[in-house]
């Protein structure tokens, strides 16, 4: 009987923990807001234009981002998201010979 009650107590504790609401860390949310604001400010000070790029063998969106991304983006992830939105890509797979439109900023 003692084992049964101990087991039920542990199940109840786990159940309560799973029901507790999870709130995001306020500091990390603030950091995201700050980086987004810095990104917007950096973009506002430069002129945006687009270039065409033909995917070469071995290219990935990450390698293209590392080659063409400028300082107006908080990270390669943000640049890749814009490439995907601009080119209406649903996934990150690209093919040799595919033409992409890349966002750029004058420096």
N, C-alpha and C. Protein backbone atom coordinates (compact mmCIF):
# COMPACT_ATOMS: atom_id res chain seq x y z
N UNK A 1 0.82 -1.19 0.00
CA UNK A 1 0.00 0.00 0.00
C UNK A 1 0.87 1.26 0.00
N UNK A 2 1.99 1.21 0.74
CA UNK A 2 2.88 2.36 0.81
C UNK A 2 3.48 2.66 -0.56
N UNK A 3 3.84 1.62 -1.32
CA UNK A 3 4.37 1.81 -2.67
C UNK A 3 3.32 2.44 -3.59
N UNK A 4 2.11 1.98 -3.45
CA UNK A 4 1.02 2.51 -4.27
C UNK A 4 0.82 4.00 -4.01
N UNK A 5 0.80 4.40 -2.75
CA UNK A 5 0.62 5.81 -2.41
C UNK A 5 1.82 6.65 -2.88
N UNK A 6 3.01 6.11 -2.73
CA UNK A 6 4.20 6.82 -3.21
C UNK A 6 4.13 7.00 -4.73
N UNK A 7 3.74 5.96 -5.43
CA UNK A 7 3.59 6.03 -6.89
C UNK A 7 2.55 7.05 -7.29
N UNK A 8 1.42 7.05 -6.60
CA UNK A 8 0.35 8.01 -6.91
C UNK A 8 0.81 9.44 -6.64
N UNK A 9 1.58 9.62 -5.57
CA UNK A 9 2.11 10.94 -5.25
C UNK A 9 3.03 11.43 -6.37
N UNK A 10 3.92 10.56 -6.86
CA UNK A 10 4.83 10.94 -7.94
C UNK A 10 4.06 11.27 -9.23
N UNK A 11 3.05 10.49 -9.53
CA UNK A 11 2.21 10.76 -10.71
C UNK A 11 1.54 12.12 -10.57
N UNK A 12 1.03 12.42 -9.37
CA UNK A 12 0.37 13.70 -9.14
C UNK A 12 1.35 14.86 -9.30
N UNK A 13 2.56 14.72 -8.80
CA UNK A 13 3.57 15.77 -8.92
C UNK A 13 3.92 16.01 -10.39
N UNK A 14 4.13 14.94 -11.14
CA UNK A 14 4.44 15.08 -12.57
C UNK A 14 3.27 15.74 -13.29
N UNK A 15 2.07 15.35 -12.98
CA UNK A 15 0.89 15.92 -13.61
C UNK A 15 0.79 17.43 -13.33
N UNK A 16 1.04 17.82 -12.10
CA UNK A 16 1.00 19.24 -11.73
C UNK A 16 2.08 20.02 -12.48
N UNK A 17 3.27 19.46 -12.57
CA UNK A 17 4.37 20.12 -13.28
C UNK A 17 4.02 20.31 -14.76
N UNK A 18 3.40 19.31 -15.35
CA UNK A 18 3.02 19.41 -16.76
C UNK A 18 1.92 20.44 -16.99
N UNK A 19 1.11 20.70 -16.00
CA UNK A 19 0.02 21.65 -16.14
C UNK A 19 0.44 23.10 -15.89
N UNK A 20 1.61 23.30 -15.29
CA UNK A 20 2.06 24.66 -15.03
C UNK A 20 2.30 25.40 -16.33
N UNK A 21 1.87 26.65 -16.42
CA UNK A 21 2.09 27.40 -17.66
C UNK A 21 3.57 27.71 -17.84
N UNK A 22 4.01 27.63 -19.08
CA UNK A 22 5.39 27.94 -19.40
C UNK A 22 5.44 29.35 -19.96
N UNK A 23 6.18 30.21 -19.30
CA UNK A 23 6.31 31.59 -19.77
C UNK A 23 7.72 31.81 -20.28
N UNK A 24 7.86 32.52 -21.40
CA UNK A 24 9.20 32.77 -21.92
C UNK A 24 9.99 33.67 -20.99
N UNK A 25 11.27 33.51 -21.02
CA UNK A 25 12.17 34.33 -20.23
C UNK A 25 12.08 35.77 -20.74
N UNK A 26 11.80 36.70 -19.85
CA UNK A 26 11.63 38.09 -20.25
C UNK A 26 12.91 38.68 -20.83
N UNK A 27 14.05 38.26 -20.31
CA UNK A 27 15.32 38.78 -20.82
C UNK A 27 15.55 38.34 -22.25
N UNK A 28 15.23 37.08 -22.59
CA UNK A 28 15.44 36.62 -23.96
C UNK A 28 14.46 37.29 -24.90
N UNK A 29 13.23 37.54 -24.46
CA UNK A 29 12.26 38.25 -25.30
C UNK A 29 12.73 39.66 -25.57
N UNK A 30 13.31 40.31 -24.56
CA UNK A 30 13.84 41.65 -24.74
C UNK A 30 15.00 41.65 -25.72
N UNK A 31 15.86 40.64 -25.64
CA UNK A 31 17.01 40.55 -26.55
C UNK A 31 16.54 40.41 -27.99
N UNK A 32 15.47 39.66 -28.23
CA UNK A 32 14.93 39.51 -29.58
C UNK A 32 14.40 40.86 -30.07
N UNK A 33 13.70 41.59 -29.20
CA UNK A 33 13.18 42.90 -29.58
C UNK A 33 14.31 43.86 -29.90
N UNK A 34 15.36 43.84 -29.11
CA UNK A 34 16.49 44.74 -29.32
C UNK A 34 17.17 44.42 -30.64
N UNK A 35 17.43 43.13 -30.92
CA UNK A 35 18.11 42.79 -32.16
C UNK A 35 17.24 43.13 -33.37
N UNK A 36 15.94 42.95 -33.26
CA UNK A 36 15.04 43.32 -34.36
C UNK A 36 15.06 44.82 -34.58
N UNK A 37 15.09 45.60 -33.50
CA UNK A 37 15.15 47.05 -33.62
C UNK A 37 16.48 47.48 -34.23
N UNK A 38 17.57 46.86 -33.82
CA UNK A 38 18.87 47.18 -34.39
C UNK A 38 18.92 46.83 -35.87
N UNK A 39 18.31 45.70 -36.24
CA UNK A 39 18.27 45.28 -37.63
C UNK A 39 17.48 46.29 -38.46
N UNK A 40 16.33 46.74 -37.96
CA UNK A 40 15.52 47.73 -38.68
C UNK A 40 16.28 49.04 -38.84
N UNK A 41 16.98 49.48 -37.79
CA UNK A 41 17.74 50.72 -37.84
C UNK A 41 18.87 50.64 -38.86
N UNK A 42 19.56 49.51 -38.89
CA UNK A 42 20.66 49.33 -39.84
C UNK A 42 20.13 49.31 -41.27
N UNK A 43 19.00 48.70 -41.49
CA UNK A 43 18.41 48.64 -42.83
C UNK A 43 17.95 50.03 -43.29
N UNK A 44 17.43 50.83 -42.36
CA UNK A 44 16.91 52.14 -42.73
C UNK A 44 18.02 53.07 -43.22
N UNK A 45 19.24 52.86 -42.77
CA UNK A 45 20.34 53.76 -43.15
C UNK A 45 20.97 53.37 -44.48
N UNK A 46 20.54 52.29 -45.10
CA UNK A 46 21.12 51.83 -46.36
C UNK A 46 20.03 51.61 -47.40
N UNK A 47 20.43 51.62 -48.65
CA UNK A 47 19.51 51.37 -49.76
C UNK A 47 19.48 49.88 -50.06
N UNK A 48 18.29 49.33 -50.18
CA UNK A 48 18.14 47.90 -50.46
C UNK A 48 17.96 47.70 -51.96
N UNK A 49 18.62 46.67 -52.49
CA UNK A 49 18.43 46.28 -53.88
C UNK A 49 18.51 44.77 -53.96
N UNK A 50 18.26 44.21 -55.12
CA UNK A 50 18.24 42.77 -55.30
C UNK A 50 19.17 42.38 -56.45
N UNK A 51 19.80 41.22 -56.30
CA UNK A 51 20.62 40.68 -57.38
C UNK A 51 20.13 39.28 -57.69
N UNK A 52 20.38 38.84 -58.92
CA UNK A 52 20.06 37.46 -59.25
C UNK A 52 21.30 36.61 -59.03
N UNK A 53 21.08 35.37 -58.63
CA UNK A 53 22.17 34.46 -58.34
C UNK A 53 21.77 33.08 -58.85
N UNK A 54 22.66 32.46 -59.62
CA UNK A 54 22.41 31.10 -60.10
C UNK A 54 23.13 30.13 -59.16
N UNK A 55 22.37 29.21 -58.62
CA UNK A 55 22.91 28.25 -57.65
C UNK A 55 23.96 27.37 -58.32
N UNK A 56 25.12 27.30 -57.69
CA UNK A 56 26.23 26.48 -58.18
C UNK A 56 26.22 25.14 -57.44
N UNK A 57 26.91 24.17 -58.01
CA UNK A 57 27.00 22.86 -57.38
C UNK A 57 27.62 23.00 -55.99
N UNK A 58 26.99 22.40 -55.00
CA UNK A 58 27.47 22.44 -53.63
C UNK A 58 26.95 23.61 -52.81
N UNK A 59 26.26 24.55 -53.44
CA UNK A 59 25.70 25.69 -52.71
C UNK A 59 24.57 25.24 -51.79
N UNK A 60 24.48 25.92 -50.66
CA UNK A 60 23.35 25.79 -49.75
C UNK A 60 22.91 27.22 -49.42
N UNK A 61 21.74 27.35 -48.85
CA UNK A 61 21.31 28.69 -48.44
C UNK A 61 22.27 29.27 -47.41
N UNK A 62 22.84 28.42 -46.57
CA UNK A 62 23.79 28.89 -45.55
C UNK A 62 25.07 29.40 -46.21
N UNK A 63 25.58 28.69 -47.21
CA UNK A 63 26.81 29.15 -47.86
C UNK A 63 26.56 30.43 -48.65
N UNK A 64 25.39 30.53 -49.27
CA UNK A 64 25.03 31.76 -50.00
C UNK A 64 24.90 32.92 -49.02
N UNK A 65 24.28 32.66 -47.87
CA UNK A 65 24.13 33.71 -46.85
C UNK A 65 25.50 34.17 -46.36
N UNK A 66 26.40 33.25 -46.11
CA UNK A 66 27.74 33.61 -45.64
C UNK A 66 28.49 34.44 -46.67
N UNK A 67 28.21 34.23 -47.94
CA UNK A 67 28.90 34.96 -49.01
C UNK A 67 28.27 36.32 -49.29
N UNK A 68 26.96 36.43 -49.21
CA UNK A 68 26.26 37.63 -49.67
C UNK A 68 25.62 38.47 -48.58
N UNK A 69 25.50 37.95 -47.37
CA UNK A 69 24.82 38.67 -46.29
C UNK A 69 25.64 39.87 -45.84
N UNK A 70 24.97 40.97 -45.60
CA UNK A 70 25.64 42.16 -45.09
C UNK A 70 25.29 42.36 -43.62
N UNK A 71 25.85 43.37 -43.03
CA UNK A 71 25.68 43.63 -41.60
C UNK A 71 24.30 44.08 -41.19
N UNK A 72 23.40 44.27 -42.12
CA UNK A 72 22.05 44.72 -41.78
C UNK A 72 21.19 43.61 -41.17
N UNK A 73 21.68 42.40 -41.18
CA UNK A 73 20.93 41.26 -40.66
C UNK A 73 21.51 40.82 -39.33
N UNK A 74 20.64 40.45 -38.39
CA UNK A 74 21.07 40.01 -37.07
C UNK A 74 21.79 38.67 -37.14
N UNK A 75 21.41 37.84 -38.11
CA UNK A 75 22.05 36.53 -38.24
C UNK A 75 21.80 35.99 -39.64
N UNK A 76 22.52 34.91 -39.98
CA UNK A 76 22.32 34.26 -41.27
C UNK A 76 20.90 33.72 -41.37
N UNK A 77 20.35 33.31 -40.25
CA UNK A 77 18.98 32.80 -40.23
C UNK A 77 18.00 33.85 -40.77
N UNK A 78 18.14 35.10 -40.33
CA UNK A 78 17.24 36.17 -40.79
C UNK A 78 17.42 36.43 -42.29
N UNK A 79 18.66 36.38 -42.76
CA UNK A 79 18.92 36.58 -44.19
C UNK A 79 18.31 35.45 -45.00
N UNK A 80 18.47 34.21 -44.54
CA UNK A 80 17.92 33.06 -45.25
C UNK A 80 16.40 33.14 -45.27
N UNK A 81 15.79 33.58 -44.18
CA UNK A 81 14.33 33.75 -44.16
C UNK A 81 13.89 34.73 -45.23
N UNK A 82 14.63 35.83 -45.40
CA UNK A 82 14.26 36.80 -46.42
C UNK A 82 14.46 36.24 -47.82
N UNK A 83 15.52 35.47 -48.03
CA UNK A 83 15.73 34.81 -49.33
C UNK A 83 14.56 33.89 -49.63
N UNK A 84 14.16 33.11 -48.63
CA UNK A 84 13.05 32.17 -48.83
C UNK A 84 11.74 32.90 -49.13
N UNK A 85 11.48 33.99 -48.43
CA UNK A 85 10.26 34.76 -48.68
C UNK A 85 10.30 35.41 -50.07
N UNK A 86 11.43 35.99 -50.42
CA UNK A 86 11.57 36.66 -51.72
C UNK A 86 11.38 35.69 -52.87
N UNK A 87 11.88 34.48 -52.72
CA UNK A 87 11.83 33.48 -53.80
C UNK A 87 10.69 32.49 -53.65
N UNK A 88 9.82 32.72 -52.69
CA UNK A 88 8.66 31.86 -52.44
C UNK A 88 9.08 30.40 -52.25
N UNK A 89 10.15 30.19 -51.47
CA UNK A 89 10.62 28.84 -51.18
C UNK A 89 9.90 28.32 -49.95
N UNK A 90 9.45 27.07 -50.03
CA UNK A 90 8.77 26.45 -48.89
C UNK A 90 9.72 25.64 -48.02
N UNK A 91 10.92 25.36 -48.55
CA UNK A 91 11.91 24.60 -47.79
C UNK A 91 13.29 25.10 -48.18
N UNK A 92 14.31 24.62 -47.50
CA UNK A 92 15.66 25.14 -47.71
C UNK A 92 16.45 24.39 -48.79
N UNK A 93 15.83 23.43 -49.44
CA UNK A 93 16.51 22.68 -50.48
C UNK A 93 16.55 23.51 -51.76
N UNK A 94 17.76 23.69 -52.30
CA UNK A 94 17.93 24.40 -53.57
C UNK A 94 18.68 23.48 -54.53
N UNK A 95 18.55 23.76 -55.84
CA UNK A 95 19.14 22.88 -56.85
C UNK A 95 20.12 23.66 -57.72
N UNK A 96 21.14 22.96 -58.19
CA UNK A 96 22.11 23.54 -59.11
C UNK A 96 21.38 24.10 -60.33
N UNK A 97 21.72 25.31 -60.72
CA UNK A 97 21.09 25.96 -61.87
C UNK A 97 19.87 26.79 -61.53
N UNK A 98 19.35 26.65 -60.34
CA UNK A 98 18.18 27.41 -59.90
C UNK A 98 18.58 28.88 -59.74
N UNK A 99 17.72 29.78 -60.21
CA UNK A 99 18.00 31.20 -60.04
C UNK A 99 17.30 31.71 -58.79
N UNK A 100 18.06 32.43 -57.97
CA UNK A 100 17.52 33.03 -56.75
C UNK A 100 17.67 34.55 -56.83
N UNK A 101 16.76 35.24 -56.22
CA UNK A 101 16.86 36.68 -56.05
C UNK A 101 17.36 36.92 -54.63
N UNK A 102 18.50 37.61 -54.50
CA UNK A 102 19.10 37.85 -53.20
C UNK A 102 18.97 39.31 -52.81
N UNK A 103 18.52 39.57 -51.59
CA UNK A 103 18.46 40.96 -51.10
C UNK A 103 19.87 41.43 -50.73
N UNK A 104 20.15 42.67 -51.05
CA UNK A 104 21.45 43.27 -50.73
C UNK A 104 21.25 44.70 -50.26
N UNK A 105 22.22 45.23 -49.57
CA UNK A 105 22.20 46.62 -49.13
C UNK A 105 23.52 47.26 -49.53
N UNK A 106 23.44 48.52 -49.98
CA UNK A 106 24.70 49.23 -50.24
C UNK A 106 25.32 49.55 -48.90
N UNK A 107 26.59 49.63 -48.86
CA UNK A 107 27.27 49.81 -47.57
C UNK A 107 27.70 51.19 -47.35
